[in-house]
Amino acid sequence: MSKFGIGALVLLFLSAEVLADDFNGKVIEVIDGNTFKILDSDDQTYTVVLMGIDCPEPGQEYSEEALKCLEKIVLGKKITVTSRGKDRLGNTLGEVIIDGKKDPRVDLLTEGLAWTAEKHPSADLELLRVSASAKGKGLWKQNNPTPPWVYRREQSMLQPKSS
């Protein structure tokens, strides 16, 4: 055994446990194309935003299609969420697996109902987006669709400033 002994191994194990922030729950509500609520076994509710993609916002074309697609995939299902941090609103940013294998981001991108993340998109996810765009699927039927992050910025500029 190293000079650090069992205590160091236990600490290392516990640190790895803290970093592996997976949790399970049942999807109880879909809010939009990439956001939903889950209820875990302790009756805690979490709002989860799918990490690495962004779907059209309510008011944008294809927002309803994205919402319905995500509902079909996750609503009422038991899922595993790997937490990748929090967004500015305190929602869990996560990667989601259904039945140990299905990633809903793949379907949303393949159907042309999502963009990859604005900053540092995953190469694997970006390939799916590019393929859907090349095939003219979903929102890619539009000429130059507005990404949701641009739409949100435009909407925030239209809001009256409070003094």
Foldseek 3Di string as FASTA:
>chain_A
DDPVPPVVVVVVVVVVVVQQPKFKFAWAAQDWLFWTWTAGPVRDIAIEGEAFKAFADVVFPLGVVSSVLVCVVGHGFMKMWGFPAADPVRGTHTFIDGPNHDTSLLVCQQQLGIDTDPPDHDPVSNVSNVVCLVVCGGPSVDDDGDHRVNVVVVVVVPDDDDD
